[in-house]
Amino acid sequence: MVPILREDWRPWRTPSPLDGRRPGREDLAAAARSQLGRQDVLPYPTDEACTGRLRLLVVGINPGLWTAAVNAPFARPGNRFWPSLHRAGVTPRLVDASRGLARCDERMLAERGVGVVNLVQRATARADELTGDELRTGAQRLIARVRVLRPRLVAVAGVTAFRTAFDRPRAALGAQQAGDIDGWQAQVALWVLPNPSGLNAHETVESLGQWWRRVWAASPT
């Protein structure tokens, strides 16, 4: 694995357009109307510059409206993503992305080789508003990006969407046999984890943390 960061690294993502405040009703409505998502969280702004620098690539399903409004992943209060990553030791501190991703957290994630992208960029209030065609197109785009990024491990956060996107209706949580996914980079491990949304009543911060602890251990530097 190449060194994660060059000495000349600088933050590159656009700060939240809300200037540090939480989004209100009008901001969420604007995010829905825009049909835009959010920027990826990667060490560098191009996939080519990130080749071989990621220990873990997290793949969300699509941005929620709060996430799109503040340009930060898993930003809505009540989402268990950041608390569970901290519980698992993936991040050394708890990230609060509800007002946007802080520059110090952007750097911390880059230093640890953690990237966050989405299967689908269109923002919706719920992931089940996406069409099957959107998910399948997103899967093909992810496969192509993984060939360039070459992370140690890819973890998709949401088994229901994964089943549709990759045409694997019986897929279960955990490590996947990715060899039968056409075009998948052979040396890149693939896992599926539960959706950390607060709408997923089957999971807690502790149970999600156990999943992320396993993933982190399976993606050694």
Protein backbone atom coordinates (compact mmCIF):
# COMPACT_ATOMS: atom_id res chain seq x y z
CA MET A 1 0.00 0.00 0.00
CA VAL A 2 1.40 3.40 -0.96
CA PRO A 3 1.71 6.11 1.72
CA ILE A 4 -1.76 7.45 2.45
CA LEU A 5 -0.91 11.16 2.30
CA ARG A 6 1.71 13.18 0.54
CA GLU A 7 3.52 15.91 2.49
CA ASP A 8 1.71 18.61 0.48
CA TRP A 9 -1.80 17.37 1.39
CA ARG A 10 -4.49 20.05 1.74
CA PRO A 11 -8.22 19.79 2.45
CA TRP A 12 -10.10 19.96 -0.83
CA ARG A 13 -13.80 19.43 -0.10
CA THR A 14 -16.28 22.29 -0.25
CA PRO A 15 -17.43 23.36 3.24
CA SER A 16 -21.11 23.25 4.11
CA PRO A 17 -23.01 25.98 2.24
CA LEU A 18 -24.97 26.63 5.44
CA ASP A 19 -21.91 28.18 7.11
CA GLY A 20 -21.90 25.94 10.16
CA ARG A 21 -25.60 25.90 11.00
CA ARG A 22 -27.92 22.91 10.95
CA PRO A 23 -30.35 22.78 8.03
CA GLY A 24 -33.91 23.92 8.47
CA ARG A 25 -37.03 22.84 6.63
CA GLU A 26 -36.36 25.11 3.67
CA ASP A 27 -32.78 23.89 3.37
CA LEU A 28 -33.97 20.27 3.26
CA ALA A 29 -36.59 21.12 0.66
CA ALA A 30 -33.93 22.85 -1.43
CA ALA A 31 -31.70 19.78 -1.18
CA ALA A 32 -34.56 17.61 -2.45
CA ARG A 33 -35.28 19.95 -5.37
CA SER A 34 -31.64 20.21 -6.40
CA GLN A 35 -31.35 16.49 -7.23
CA LEU A 36 -27.71 16.82 -6.15
CA GLY A 37 -25.90 14.71 -3.61
CA ARG A 38 -22.66 15.50 -1.83
CA GLN A 39 -18.97 15.34 -2.54
CA ASP A 40 -17.12 12.12 -1.85
CA VAL A 41 -14.85 11.94 1.17
CA LEU A 42 -11.50 10.81 -0.22
CA PRO A 43 -7.89 11.80 0.44
CA TYR A 44 -7.69 13.61 -2.92
CA PRO A 45 -10.28 15.00 -5.33
CA THR A 46 -9.62 12.48 -8.12
CA ASP A 47 -9.82 8.72 -7.93
CA GLU A 48 -6.50 8.40 -9.73
CA ALA A 49 -4.73 10.40 -7.02
CA CYS A 50 -6.24 8.06 -4.39
CA THR A 51 -5.12 4.81 -6.01
CA GLY A 52 -3.84 2.40 -3.37
CA ARG A 53 -4.23 4.92 -0.52
CA LEU A 54 -7.47 3.60 1.05
CA ARG A 55 -7.60 1.01 3.79
CA LEU A 56 -11.41 1.16 3.88
CA LEU A 57 -13.91 2.48 1.34
CA VAL A 58 -17.36 2.91 2.88
CA VAL A 59 -20.23 2.92 0.40
CA GLY A 60 -23.49 4.50 1.50
CA ILE A 61 -26.67 3.94 -0.50
CA ASN A 62 -27.44 7.59 -1.31
CA PRO A 63 -27.37 10.92 0.51
CA GLY A 64 -30.24 11.86 2.75
CA LEU A 65 -31.55 15.42 2.50
CA TRP A 66 -29.65 16.56 5.62
CA THR A 67 -26.44 15.07 4.25
CA ALA A 68 -26.93 16.82 0.91
CA ALA A 69 -27.72 20.13 2.62
CA VAL A 70 -24.48 20.22 4.63
CA ASN A 71 -22.25 18.29 2.14
CA ALA A 72 -21.20 15.71 4.73
CA PRO A 73 -21.84 11.94 4.84
CA PHE A 74 -24.23 10.36 7.34
CA ALA A 75 -24.85 13.82 8.77
CA ARG A 76 -28.41 13.56 10.06
CA PRO A 77 -28.61 13.48 13.87
CA GLY A 78 -29.68 10.01 14.95
CA ASN A 79 -27.68 8.22 12.28
CA ARG A 80 -25.42 5.71 14.03
CA PHE A 81 -22.61 5.71 11.46
CA TRP A 82 -20.10 8.05 13.13
CA PRO A 83 -20.76 6.84 16.70
CA SER A 84 -20.34 3.22 15.61
CA LEU A 85 -17.09 3.95 13.77
CA HIS A 86 -15.76 5.61 16.91
CA ARG A 87 -16.97 2.71 19.07
CA ALA A 88 -15.10 0.32 16.77
CA GLY A 89 -11.86 2.30 16.89
CA VAL A 90 -11.98 3.20 13.20
CA THR A 91 -11.86 6.86 14.21
CA PRO A 92 -9.96 8.04 17.30
CA ARG A 93 -12.66 10.58 18.15
CA LEU A 94 -16.38 11.01 17.53
CA VAL A 95 -17.11 12.91 14.33
CA ASP A 96 -20.05 15.33 14.40
CA ALA A 97 -21.00 15.91 10.76
CA SER A 98 -24.41 17.47 11.46
CA ARG A 99 -23.16 20.94 10.44
CA GLY A 100 -20.71 19.71 7.80
CA LEU A 101 -17.43 17.83 7.91
CA ALA A 102 -14.74 19.74 9.79
CA ARG A 103 -11.34 20.19 8.14
CA CYS A 104 -9.64 18.38 11.02
CA ASP A 105 -11.96 15.40 10.53
CA GLU A 106 -11.37 15.45 6.79
CA ARG A 107 -7.66 15.19 7.47
CA MET A 108 -8.08 12.51 10.13
CA LEU A 109 -10.08 10.31 7.76
CA ALA A 110 -7.52 10.84 5.00
CA GLU A 111 -4.67 9.93 7.35
CA ARG A 112 -6.44 6.73 8.38
CA GLY A 113 -7.19 5.75 4.80
CA VAL A 114 -10.97 5.93 5.18
CA GLY A 115 -13.07 7.05 2.21
CA VAL A 116 -16.85 7.48 1.92
CA VAL A 117 -18.79 7.40 -1.36
CA ASN A 118 -22.35 6.56 -2.41
CA LEU A 119 -23.92 4.08 -4.79
CA VAL A 120 -26.34 6.78 -5.99
CA GLN A 121 -25.75 10.51 -5.76
CA ARG A 122 -29.40 11.66 -5.88
CA ALA A 123 -30.54 12.83 -2.47
CA THR A 124 -33.82 11.47 -1.07
CA ALA A 125 -35.55 11.45 2.29
CA ARG A 126 -35.38 7.62 2.33
CA ALA A 127 -33.22 5.11 0.48
CA ASP A 128 -36.29 3.13 -0.60
CA GLU A 129 -37.25 6.05 -2.88
CA LEU A 130 -34.50 4.96 -5.28
CA THR A 131 -35.31 2.83 -8.32
CA GLY A 132 -33.73 -0.51 -9.09
CA ASP A 133 -32.20 0.96 -12.23
CA GLU A 134 -30.52 3.70 -10.18
CA LEU A 135 -29.04 1.13 -7.81
CA ARG A 136 -27.82 -1.16 -10.59
CA THR A 137 -26.26 1.76 -12.45
CA GLY A 138 -24.59 2.82 -9.21
CA ALA A 139 -23.16 -0.67 -8.73
CA GLN A 140 -21.56 -0.60 -12.16
CA ARG A 141 -20.10 2.82 -11.44
CA LEU A 142 -18.71 1.57 -8.12
CA ILE A 143 -17.10 -1.46 -9.78
CA ALA A 144 -15.33 0.85 -12.24
CA ARG A 145 -14.18 3.18 -9.46
CA VAL A 146 -12.86 0.32 -7.32
CA ARG A 147 -10.63 -0.74 -10.23
CA VAL A 148 -9.01 2.71 -10.03
CA LEU A 149 -9.10 3.32 -6.26
CA ARG A 150 -7.90 -0.19 -5.30
CA PRO A 151 -8.86 0.01 -1.59
CA ARG A 152 -8.04 -2.82 0.78
CA LEU A 153 -11.71 -3.36 1.60
CA VAL A 154 -15.09 -2.04 0.43
CA ALA A 155 -17.99 -2.02 2.90
CA VAL A 156 -21.51 -1.34 1.60
CA ALA A 157 -23.79 0.00 4.35
CA GLY A 158 -27.19 -1.45 3.51
CA VAL A 159 -27.95 -5.06 2.61
CA THR A 160 -31.35 -4.49 0.98
CA ALA A 161 -29.99 -2.01 -1.55
CA PHE A 162 -26.90 -4.18 -2.09
CA ARG A 163 -29.07 -7.14 -3.08
CA THR A 164 -30.80 -5.08 -5.76
CA ALA A 165 -27.74 -3.19 -6.95
CA PHE A 166 -25.58 -6.29 -7.43
CA ASP A 167 -28.39 -8.71 -8.33
CA ARG A 168 -27.68 -10.90 -5.31
CA PRO A 169 -31.14 -11.40 -3.76
CA ARG A 170 -29.89 -13.84 -1.11
CA ALA A 171 -26.86 -11.85 0.02
CA ALA A 172 -26.38 -11.82 3.79
CA LEU A 173 -24.49 -9.46 6.04
CA GLY A 174 -20.74 -9.89 6.33
CA ALA A 175 -17.93 -10.79 3.95
CA GLN A 176 -19.03 -11.52 0.38
CA GLN A 177 -17.75 -13.90 -2.27
CA ALA A 178 -17.10 -11.18 -4.85
CA GLY A 179 -15.50 -13.40 -7.46
CA ASP A 180 -18.78 -13.80 -9.35
CA ILE A 181 -19.33 -10.03 -9.61
CA ASP A 182 -18.29 -9.20 -13.14
CA GLY A 183 -15.41 -6.73 -13.18
CA TRP A 184 -14.75 -6.71 -9.42
CA GLN A 185 -11.09 -6.23 -8.53
CA ALA A 186 -9.98 -9.64 -7.29
CA GLN A 187 -7.76 -8.42 -4.44
CA VAL A 188 -10.37 -6.04 -2.98
CA ALA A 189 -12.42 -7.56 -0.16
CA LEU A 190 -16.15 -6.82 -0.16
CA TRP A 191 -18.37 -6.68 2.91
CA VAL A 192 -22.02 -5.76 3.46
CA LEU A 193 -23.05 -4.15 6.73
CA PRO A 194 -26.38 -3.00 8.17
CA ASN A 195 -27.71 0.41 7.27
CA PRO A 196 -26.79 2.77 10.16
CA SER A 197 -29.87 4.96 9.66
CA GLY A 198 -31.99 5.63 12.70
CA LEU A 199 -34.84 4.06 10.73
CA ASN A 200 -33.14 0.65 11.07
CA ALA A 201 -34.57 -0.44 14.41
CA HIS A 202 -32.71 -3.77 14.34
CA GLU A 203 -29.33 -2.17 15.07
CA THR A 204 -27.71 -0.14 17.84
CA VAL A 205 -24.45 1.80 18.05
CA GLU A 206 -22.95 -1.18 19.88
CA SER A 207 -24.05 -3.80 17.33
CA LEU A 208 -22.94 -1.63 14.43
CA GLY A 209 -19.64 -0.99 16.20
CA GLN A 210 -19.06 -4.74 16.35
CA TRP A 211 -19.52 -4.95 12.58
CA TRP A 212 -17.12 -2.08 11.92
CA ARG A 213 -14.57 -3.60 14.32
CA ARG A 214 -14.60 -6.78 12.23
CA VAL A 215 -14.26 -4.81 9.01
CA TRP A 216 -11.36 -2.76 10.34
CA ALA A 217 -9.55 -5.91 11.47
CA ALA A 218 -10.09 -7.46 8.03
CA SER A 219 -8.45 -4.48 6.28
CA PRO A 220 -4.97 -4.33 7.85
CA THR A 221 -2.51 -1.70 6.69
